[in-house]
Amino acid sequence: MTGEEFGQKLLESVHQMKAGQAARVTHVEIPPLVEVRNRIGLSQAQFAALLGVSVRTLQEWEQGRRQPSGAAKMLLRVAERYPEVLRELAEG
């Protein structure tokens, strides 16, 4: 591809973007656990400390590589349904 051809394609792409004709649309799905943590307003480190797990463990849960079990799973359900409770625990 010559420089002129590249410039023409680039200009064409800019015109398409301005016209709202995106070549593709990318959708990023946010895992529910990340949504819960964001709703509470805590960083990974803060949320992990509150749950009594390492940041690495929390990251693996958020990325779907591992699943929480036992008490952690129940606490996460509480966090999902009643985020204000965990927010209070984090503050106090």
C-alpha atoms as a PDB file:
ATOM      1  CA  MET A   1       0.000   0.000   0.000  1.00  0.00           C
ATOM      2  CA  THR A   2       1.435   3.357  -0.974  1.00  0.00           C
ATOM      3  CA  GLY A   3       1.400   6.409   1.246  1.00  0.00           C
ATOM      4  CA  GLU A   4      -1.273   7.954  -0.946  1.00  0.00           C
ATOM      5  CA  GLU A   5      -3.508   4.878  -0.676  1.00  0.00           C
ATOM      6  CA  PHE A   6      -3.039   4.824   3.079  1.00  0.00           C
ATOM      7  CA  GLY A   7      -3.947   8.520   3.319  1.00  0.00           C
ATOM      8  CA  GLN A   8      -7.064   7.948   1.209  1.00  0.00           C
ATOM      9  CA  LYS A   9      -8.194   5.020   3.398  1.00  0.00           C
ATOM     10  CA  LEU A  10      -7.542   7.054   6.535  1.00  0.00           C
ATOM     11  CA  LEU A  11      -9.584   9.976   5.181  1.00  0.00           C
ATOM     12  CA  GLU A  12     -12.383   7.580   4.220  1.00  0.00           C
ATOM     13  CA  SER A  13     -12.390   6.158   7.766  1.00  0.00           C
ATOM     14  CA  VAL A  14     -12.627   9.653   9.268  1.00  0.00           C
ATOM     15  CA  HIS A  15     -15.620  10.441   7.044  1.00  0.00           C
ATOM     16  CA  GLN A  16     -17.308   7.180   8.110  1.00  0.00           C
ATOM     17  CA  MET A  17     -16.736   7.938  11.788  1.00  0.00           C
ATOM     18  CA  LYS A  18     -18.168  11.434  11.435  1.00  0.00           C
ATOM     19  CA  ALA A  19     -21.197   9.973   9.684  1.00  0.00           C
ATOM     20  CA  GLY A  20     -21.675   7.482  12.537  1.00  0.00           C
ATOM     21  CA  GLN A  21     -20.788   4.523  10.357  1.00  0.00           C
ATOM     22  CA  ALA A  22     -18.405   2.664  12.615  1.00  0.00           C
ATOM     23  CA  ALA A  23     -16.847  -0.404  11.034  1.00  0.00           C
ATOM     24  CA  ARG A  24     -17.430  -2.407  14.179  1.00  0.00           C
ATOM     25  CA  VAL A  25     -18.877  -1.998  17.618  1.00  0.00           C
ATOM     26  CA  THR A  26     -17.105  -3.499  20.598  1.00  0.00           C
ATOM     27  CA  HIS A  27     -19.104  -4.400  23.679  1.00  0.00           C
ATOM     28  CA  VAL A  28     -17.251  -4.999  26.918  1.00  0.00           C
ATOM     29  CA  GLU A  29     -19.115  -7.044  29.472  1.00  0.00           C
ATOM     30  CA  ILE A  30     -18.303  -6.071  33.038  1.00  0.00           C
ATOM     31  CA  PRO A  31     -18.364  -9.046  35.406  1.00  0.00           C
ATOM     32  CA  PRO A  32     -21.044  -8.788  38.130  1.00  0.00           C
ATOM     33  CA  LEU A  33     -18.449  -8.858  40.906  1.00  0.00           C
ATOM     34  CA  VAL A  34     -16.711  -5.801  39.416  1.00  0.00           C
ATOM     35  CA  GLU A  35     -20.076  -4.022  39.164  1.00  0.00           C
ATOM     36  CA  VAL A  36     -20.761  -4.757  42.835  1.00  0.00           C
ATOM     37  CA  ARG A  37     -17.341  -3.488  43.893  1.00  0.00           C
ATOM     38  CA  ASN A  38     -17.747  -0.339  41.793  1.00  0.00           C
ATOM     39  CA  ARG A  39     -21.234   0.278  43.196  1.00  0.00           C
ATOM     40  CA  ILE A  40     -19.807   0.129  46.712  1.00  0.00           C
ATOM     41  CA  GLY A  41     -17.029   2.471  45.621  1.00  0.00           C
ATOM     42  CA  LEU A  42     -14.031   0.424  46.758  1.00  0.00           C
ATOM     43  CA  SER A  43     -10.725  -0.329  45.077  1.00  0.00           C
ATOM     44  CA  GLN A  44      -9.673  -3.936  44.585  1.00  0.00           C
ATOM     45  CA  ALA A  45      -7.330  -3.661  47.570  1.00  0.00           C
ATOM     46  CA  GLN A  46     -10.043  -2.213  49.825  1.00  0.00           C
ATOM     47  CA  PHE A  47     -12.660  -4.755  48.733  1.00  0.00           C
ATOM     48  CA  ALA A  48     -10.235  -7.674  49.121  1.00  0.00           C
ATOM     49  CA  ALA A  49      -9.299  -6.523  52.637  1.00  0.00           C
ATOM     50  CA  LEU A  50     -12.965  -6.214  53.573  1.00  0.00           C
ATOM     51  CA  LEU A  51     -13.617  -9.759  52.322  1.00  0.00           C
ATOM     52  CA  GLY A  52     -10.488 -11.105  54.012  1.00  0.00           C
ATOM     53  CA  VAL A  53      -8.882 -12.353  50.786  1.00  0.00           C
ATOM     54  CA  SER A  54      -5.785 -11.367  48.844  1.00  0.00           C
ATOM     55  CA  VAL A  55      -6.010  -8.876  45.997  1.00  0.00           C
ATOM     56  CA  ARG A  56      -4.832 -11.652  43.676  1.00  0.00           C
ATOM     57  CA  THR A  57      -7.729 -13.890  44.746  1.00  0.00           C
ATOM     58  CA  LEU A  58     -10.201 -11.068  44.139  1.00  0.00           C
ATOM     59  CA  GLN A  59      -8.688 -10.429  40.711  1.00  0.00           C
ATOM     60  CA  GLU A  60      -9.040 -14.097  39.813  1.00  0.00           C
ATOM     61  CA  TRP A  61     -12.708 -14.010  40.869  1.00  0.00           C
ATOM     62  CA  GLU A  62     -13.307 -10.835  38.863  1.00  0.00           C
ATOM     63  CA  GLN A  63     -11.632 -12.315  35.792  1.00  0.00           C
ATOM     64  CA  GLY A  64     -13.561 -15.585  36.079  1.00  0.00           C
ATOM     65  CA  ARG A  65     -10.492 -17.768  36.573  1.00  0.00           C
ATOM     66  CA  ARG A  66     -11.669 -18.873  40.017  1.00  0.00           C
ATOM     67  CA  GLN A  67     -14.986 -18.944  41.814  1.00  0.00           C
ATOM     68  CA  PRO A  68     -15.522 -17.892  45.424  1.00  0.00           C
ATOM     69  CA  SER A  69     -16.870 -20.556  47.724  1.00  0.00           C
ATOM     70  CA  GLY A  70     -18.368 -20.858  51.169  1.00  0.00           C
ATOM     71  CA  ALA A  71     -18.549 -17.745  53.306  1.00  0.00           C
ATOM     72  CA  ALA A  72     -17.018 -15.531  50.608  1.00  0.00           C
ATOM     73  CA  LYS A  73     -19.798 -16.453  48.186  1.00  0.00           C
ATOM     74  CA  MET A  74     -22.443 -15.564  50.788  1.00  0.00           C
ATOM     75  CA  LEU A  75     -20.745 -12.276  51.639  1.00  0.00           C
ATOM     76  CA  LEU A  76     -20.649 -11.397  47.937  1.00  0.00           C
ATOM     77  CA  ARG A  77     -24.397 -12.050  47.722  1.00  0.00           C
ATOM     78  CA  VAL A  78     -24.903  -9.659  50.635  1.00  0.00           C
ATOM     79  CA  ALA A  79     -22.697  -7.102  48.874  1.00  0.00           C
ATOM     80  CA  GLU A  80     -24.757  -7.446  45.706  1.00  0.00           C
ATOM     81  CA  ARG A  81     -28.138  -7.093  47.400  1.00  0.00           C
ATOM     82  CA  TYR A  82     -27.193  -4.657  50.163  1.00  0.00           C
ATOM     83  CA  PRO A  83     -24.131  -2.683  49.044  1.00  0.00           C
ATOM     84  CA  GLU A  84     -24.733  -0.066  51.720  1.00  0.00           C
ATOM     85  CA  VAL A  85     -23.949  -2.690  54.403  1.00  0.00           C
ATOM     86  CA  LEU A  86     -20.483  -3.324  53.001  1.00  0.00           C
ATOM     87  CA  ARG A  87     -19.960   0.399  52.478  1.00  0.00           C
ATOM     88  CA  GLU A  88     -20.712   0.922  56.187  1.00  0.00           C
ATOM     89  CA  LEU A  89     -18.315  -1.872  57.163  1.00  0.00           C
ATOM     90  CA  ALA A  90     -15.591  -0.335  55.014  1.00  0.00           C
ATOM     91  CA  GLU A  91     -16.057   3.060  56.654  1.00  0.00           C
ATOM     92  CA  GLY A  92     -16.267   1.931  60.187  1.00  0.00           C
END
